Amino acid sequence: MSQRKIKLTLSGNILHEIGPILDIDFNGTMLDEDLEIAQEHGVGSMVREYTVDATAGAHTLSFTFKNDDMGPDDVVDRNFVIDKIELAHDGITYTTFQPTEITVLSEDGSTLNYTGTYEEFDSSQLYLQPNGELKMWKNASAPITITFVD
């Protein structure tokens, strides 16, 4: 195993002065629990960096969005956005990672699978945008397969 790094650039839509709250997990190990994103999407972002022990190959990075809410008259909605995922395969130099496989697990137990390159992708739980952002607007978990190389 080698020490590798994951850098996440995150933002969200704030509602009632509360940002999105989420858990971040790597291969079954909690990296962040009840993390509140206080940066408004399009205005600012939060960067989180994690050092993980991992072999080369596929691993699971999971995001669980926990506090979706809708404002009065359904005008404003609290959403969670992954602006960018970066990986440091050598533990030092970051490169942007573009997920090719996402499985979304919604609160009701249903799943939605997505495989391919970044394209517009729409469902009741997420929107994978062409610019590389992943937006979640329903309470759900989204495991993303990331791959470290030597």
C-alpha atoms as a PDB file:
ATOM      1  CA  MET A   1       0.000   0.000   0.000  1.00  0.00           C
ATOM      2  CA  SER A   2       1.032   3.556  -0.664  1.00  0.00           C
ATOM      3  CA  GLN A   3      -0.036   6.870   0.784  1.00  0.00           C
ATOM      4  CA  ARG A   4      -2.190   8.645  -1.778  1.00  0.00           C
ATOM      5  CA  LYS A   5      -4.300  11.769  -1.609  1.00  0.00           C
ATOM      6  CA  ILE A   6      -7.816  12.753  -2.524  1.00  0.00           C
ATOM      7  CA  LYS A   7      -8.760  16.424  -2.878  1.00  0.00           C
ATOM      8  CA  LEU A   8     -12.431  17.393  -3.091  1.00  0.00           C
ATOM      9  CA  THR A   9     -13.761  20.804  -4.073  1.00  0.00           C
ATOM     10  CA  LEU A  10     -17.310  21.082  -2.683  1.00  0.00           C
ATOM     11  CA  SER A  11     -20.123  23.618  -2.598  1.00  0.00           C
ATOM     12  CA  GLY A  12     -23.880  23.687  -2.264  1.00  0.00           C
ATOM     13  CA  ASN A  13     -27.073  25.662  -2.126  1.00  0.00           C
ATOM     14  CA  ILE A  14     -27.688  27.147   1.322  1.00  0.00           C
ATOM     15  CA  LEU A  15     -31.239  27.094   2.700  1.00  0.00           C
ATOM     16  CA  HIS A  16     -32.364  28.639   6.027  1.00  0.00           C
ATOM     17  CA  GLU A  17     -28.681  29.471   6.693  1.00  0.00           C
ATOM     18  CA  ILE A  18     -27.812  25.757   6.642  1.00  0.00           C
ATOM     19  CA  GLY A  19     -25.670  24.192   3.945  1.00  0.00           C
ATOM     20  CA  PRO A  20     -25.705  20.605   2.739  1.00  0.00           C
ATOM     21  CA  ILE A  21     -24.601  18.060   5.331  1.00  0.00           C
ATOM     22  CA  LEU A  22     -22.866  14.924   4.148  1.00  0.00           C
ATOM     23  CA  ASP A  23     -20.731  11.956   5.040  1.00  0.00           C
ATOM     24  CA  ILE A  24     -17.658  11.067   2.973  1.00  0.00           C
ATOM     25  CA  ASP A  25     -16.375   7.500   3.033  1.00  0.00           C
ATOM     26  CA  PHE A  26     -13.393   5.773   1.392  1.00  0.00           C
ATOM     27  CA  ASN A  27     -13.514   1.967   1.120  1.00  0.00           C
ATOM     28  CA  GLY A  28     -15.722   1.695   4.198  1.00  0.00           C
ATOM     29  CA  THR A  29     -13.687   4.127   6.316  1.00  0.00           C
ATOM     30  CA  MET A  30     -15.367   7.396   7.265  1.00  0.00           C
ATOM     31  CA  LEU A  31     -13.293  10.388   6.143  1.00  0.00           C
ATOM     32  CA  ASP A  32     -15.809  13.042   7.235  1.00  0.00           C
ATOM     33  CA  GLU A  33     -19.079  12.686   9.120  1.00  0.00           C
ATOM     34  CA  ASP A  34     -21.805  15.353   9.234  1.00  0.00           C
ATOM     35  CA  LEU A  35     -19.641  17.755   7.215  1.00  0.00           C
ATOM     36  CA  GLU A  36     -21.562  20.974   6.549  1.00  0.00           C
ATOM     37  CA  ILE A  37     -20.786  22.760   3.292  1.00  0.00           C
ATOM     38  CA  ALA A  38     -21.167  26.478   4.048  1.00  0.00           C
ATOM     39  CA  GLN A  39     -19.998  27.745   0.646  1.00  0.00           C
ATOM     40  CA  GLU A  40     -22.697  28.755  -1.840  1.00  0.00           C
ATOM     41  CA  HIS A  41     -22.320  27.121  -5.255  1.00  0.00           C
ATOM     42  CA  GLY A  42     -21.134  29.615  -7.840  1.00  0.00           C
ATOM     43  CA  VAL A  43     -19.840  31.983  -5.135  1.00  0.00           C
ATOM     44  CA  GLY A  44     -17.281  29.905  -3.246  1.00  0.00           C
ATOM     45  CA  SER A  45     -16.162  26.387  -2.500  1.00  0.00           C
ATOM     46  CA  MET A  46     -14.678  24.275   0.281  1.00  0.00           C
ATOM     47  CA  VAL A  47     -11.596  22.155  -0.348  1.00  0.00           C
ATOM     48  CA  ARG A  48     -11.069  18.982   1.679  1.00  0.00           C
ATOM     49  CA  GLU A  49      -7.896  16.927   1.389  1.00  0.00           C
ATOM     50  CA  TYR A  50      -7.518  13.366   2.635  1.00  0.00           C
ATOM     51  CA  THR A  51      -4.495  11.067   2.830  1.00  0.00           C
ATOM     52  CA  VAL A  52      -5.388   7.406   2.372  1.00  0.00           C
ATOM     53  CA  ASP A  53      -3.431   4.152   2.329  1.00  0.00           C
ATOM     54  CA  ALA A  54      -4.386   2.462  -0.921  1.00  0.00           C
ATOM     55  CA  THR A  55      -3.042   0.058  -3.500  1.00  0.00           C
ATOM     56  CA  ALA A  56      -3.154   0.761  -7.213  1.00  0.00           C
ATOM     57  CA  GLY A  57      -6.553  -0.156  -8.614  1.00  0.00           C
ATOM     58  CA  ALA A  58     -10.226   0.571  -8.052  1.00  0.00           C
ATOM     59  CA  HIS A  59     -11.574   1.947  -4.765  1.00  0.00           C
ATOM     60  CA  THR A  60     -14.916   3.331  -3.597  1.00  0.00           C
ATOM     61  CA  LEU A  61     -15.387   6.975  -2.616  1.00  0.00           C
ATOM     62  CA  SER A  62     -18.911   7.527  -1.273  1.00  0.00           C
ATOM     63  CA  PHE A  63     -20.889  10.689  -0.605  1.00  0.00           C
ATOM     64  CA  THR A  64     -24.080  10.618   1.467  1.00  0.00           C
ATOM     65  CA  PHE A  65     -26.193  13.785   1.245  1.00  0.00           C
ATOM     66  CA  LYS A  66     -28.278  13.913   4.435  1.00  0.00           C
ATOM     67  CA  ASN A  67     -30.360  17.099   4.671  1.00  0.00           C
ATOM     68  CA  ASP A  68     -32.124  17.889   1.423  1.00  0.00           C
ATOM     69  CA  ASP A  69     -34.827  20.496   1.951  1.00  0.00           C
ATOM     70  CA  MET A  70     -37.094  22.719  -0.112  1.00  0.00           C
ATOM     71  CA  GLY A  71     -37.835  26.343   0.706  1.00  0.00           C
ATOM     72  CA  PRO A  72     -41.184  28.113   0.650  1.00  0.00           C
ATOM     73  CA  ASP A  73     -43.131  27.815  -2.590  1.00  0.00           C
ATOM     74  CA  ASP A  74     -40.532  25.329  -3.888  1.00  0.00           C
ATOM     75  CA  VAL A  75     -38.384  28.269  -5.069  1.00  0.00           C
ATOM     76  CA  VAL A  76     -35.144  27.493  -3.238  1.00  0.00           C
ATOM     77  CA  ASP A  77     -33.709  24.026  -2.703  1.00  0.00           C
ATOM     78  CA  ARG A  78     -30.720  22.821  -0.671  1.00  0.00           C
ATOM     79  CA  ASN A  79     -28.361  20.898  -2.978  1.00  0.00           C
ATOM     80  CA  PHE A  80     -24.879  19.419  -2.703  1.00  0.00           C
ATOM     81  CA  VAL A  81     -22.283  19.852  -5.478  1.00  0.00           C
ATOM     82  CA  ILE A  82     -18.967  18.082  -6.021  1.00  0.00           C
ATOM     83  CA  ASP A  83     -17.175  20.736  -8.057  1.00  0.00           C
ATOM     84  CA  LYS A  84     -14.054  18.645  -8.620  1.00  0.00           C
ATOM     85  CA  ILE A  85     -12.332  15.421  -7.561  1.00  0.00           C
ATOM     86  CA  GLU A  86      -8.539  15.321  -7.743  1.00  0.00           C
ATOM     87  CA  LEU A  87      -6.258  12.365  -7.018  1.00  0.00           C
ATOM     88  CA  ALA A  88      -2.558  12.346  -6.133  1.00  0.00           C
ATOM     89  CA  HIS A  89      -1.477   8.855  -7.202  1.00  0.00           C
ATOM     90  CA  ASP A  90       2.043   9.519  -5.891  1.00  0.00           C
ATOM     91  CA  GLY A  91       0.783  11.357  -2.791  1.00  0.00           C
ATOM     92  CA  ILE A  92       2.082  14.699  -4.144  1.00  0.00           C
ATOM     93  CA  THR A  93       0.932  15.712  -7.641  1.00  0.00           C
ATOM     94  CA  TYR A  94      -2.815  16.077  -8.238  1.00  0.00           C
ATOM     95  CA  THR A  95      -4.691  15.300 -11.429  1.00  0.00           C
ATOM     96  CA  THR A  96      -8.404  15.813 -12.024  1.00  0.00           C
ATOM     97  CA  PHE A  97     -10.401  12.606 -11.828  1.00  0.00           C
ATOM     98  CA  GLN A  98     -13.521  12.102 -13.927  1.00  0.00           C
ATOM     99  CA  PRO A  99     -15.784   9.327 -12.604  1.00  0.00           C
ATOM    100  CA  THR A 100     -16.865   6.706 -15.102  1.00  0.00           C
ATOM    101  CA  GLU A 101     -19.064   4.643 -12.784  1.00  0.00           C
ATOM    102  CA  ILE A 102     -21.584   5.947 -10.260  1.00  0.00           C
ATOM    103  CA  THR A 103     -24.311   4.042  -8.435  1.00  0.00           C
ATOM    104  CA  VAL A 104     -26.814   6.188  -6.578  1.00  0.00           C
ATOM    105  CA  LEU A 105     -28.639   4.623  -3.639  1.00  0.00           C
ATOM    106  CA  SER A 106     -31.716   6.638  -2.724  1.00  0.00           C
ATOM    107  CA  GLU A 107     -33.510   6.721   0.640  1.00  0.00           C
ATOM    108  CA  ASP A 108     -36.245   4.433  -0.669  1.00  0.00           C
ATOM    109  CA  GLY A 109     -33.667   1.732  -1.487  1.00  0.00           C
ATOM    110  CA  SER A 110     -33.798   2.138  -5.259  1.00  0.00           C
ATOM    111  CA  THR A 111     -30.577   2.333  -7.255  1.00  0.00           C
ATOM    112  CA  LEU A 112     -29.516   4.141 -10.392  1.00  0.00           C
ATOM    113  CA  ASN A 113     -26.364   3.180 -12.280  1.00  0.00           C
ATOM    114  CA  TYR A 114     -24.352   5.423 -14.565  1.00  0.00           C
ATOM    115  CA  THR A 115     -21.326   4.419 -16.590  1.00  0.00           C
ATOM    116  CA  GLY A 116     -19.513   6.463 -19.212  1.00  0.00           C
ATOM    117  CA  THR A 117     -17.618   9.698 -19.512  1.00  0.00           C
ATOM    118  CA  TYR A 118     -18.857  13.030 -18.210  1.00  0.00           C
ATOM    119  CA  GLU A 119     -22.063  13.934 -19.986  1.00  0.00           C
ATOM    120  CA  GLU A 120     -25.332  15.486 -18.980  1.00  0.00           C
ATOM    121  CA  PHE A 121     -27.148  12.909 -16.908  1.00  0.00           C
ATOM    122  CA  ASP A 122     -30.384  13.569 -15.125  1.00  0.00           C
ATOM    123  CA  SER A 123     -32.367  11.629 -12.509  1.00  0.00           C
ATOM    124  CA  SER A 124     -34.295  12.369  -9.371  1.00  0.00           C
ATOM    125  CA  GLN A 125     -31.081  12.135  -7.318  1.00  0.00           C
ATOM    126  CA  LEU A 126     -28.161  13.566  -9.285  1.00  0.00           C
ATOM    127  CA  TYR A 127     -27.067  15.547 -12.271  1.00  0.00           C
ATOM    128  CA  LEU A 128     -23.670  14.846 -13.784  1.00  0.00           C
ATOM    129  CA  GLN A 129     -22.769  18.057 -15.580  1.00  0.00           C
ATOM    130  CA  PRO A 130     -20.524  18.350 -18.661  1.00  0.00           C
ATOM    131  CA  ASN A 131     -18.134  20.678 -16.783  1.00  0.00           C
ATOM    132  CA  GLY A 132     -17.276  17.916 -14.301  1.00  0.00           C
ATOM    133  CA  GLU A 133     -19.621  18.818 -11.445  1.00  0.00           C
ATOM    134  CA  LEU A 134     -21.829  16.249  -9.761  1.00  0.00           C
ATOM    135  CA  LYS A 135     -24.933  17.756  -8.157  1.00  0.00           C
ATOM    136  CA  MET A 136     -27.115  15.841  -5.700  1.00  0.00           C
ATOM    137  CA  TRP A 137     -30.539  17.261  -4.919  1.00  0.00           C
ATOM    138  CA  LYS A 138     -32.161  14.413  -3.035  1.00  0.00           C
ATOM    139  CA  ASN A 139     -31.052  12.594   0.122  1.00  0.00           C
ATOM    140  CA  ALA A 140     -29.038   9.729  -1.320  1.00  0.00           C
ATOM    141  CA  SER A 141     -25.667   7.984  -1.335  1.00  0.00           C
ATOM    142  CA  ALA A 142     -23.427   8.072  -4.382  1.00  0.00           C
ATOM    143  CA  PRO A 143     -20.505   5.623  -4.392  1.00  0.00           C
ATOM    144  CA  ILE A 144     -17.986   6.606  -7.072  1.00  0.00           C
ATOM    145  CA  THR A 145     -15.331   4.206  -8.304  1.00  0.00           C
ATOM    146  CA  ILE A 146     -11.930   5.909  -8.298  1.00  0.00           C
ATOM    147  CA  THR A 147      -8.759   4.317  -9.617  1.00  0.00           C
ATOM    148  CA  PHE A 148      -5.251   4.903  -8.322  1.00  0.00           C
ATOM    149  CA  VAL A 149      -2.322   4.044 -10.580  1.00  0.00           C
ATOM    150  CA  ASP A 150       1.368   3.535  -9.847  1.00  0.00           C
END
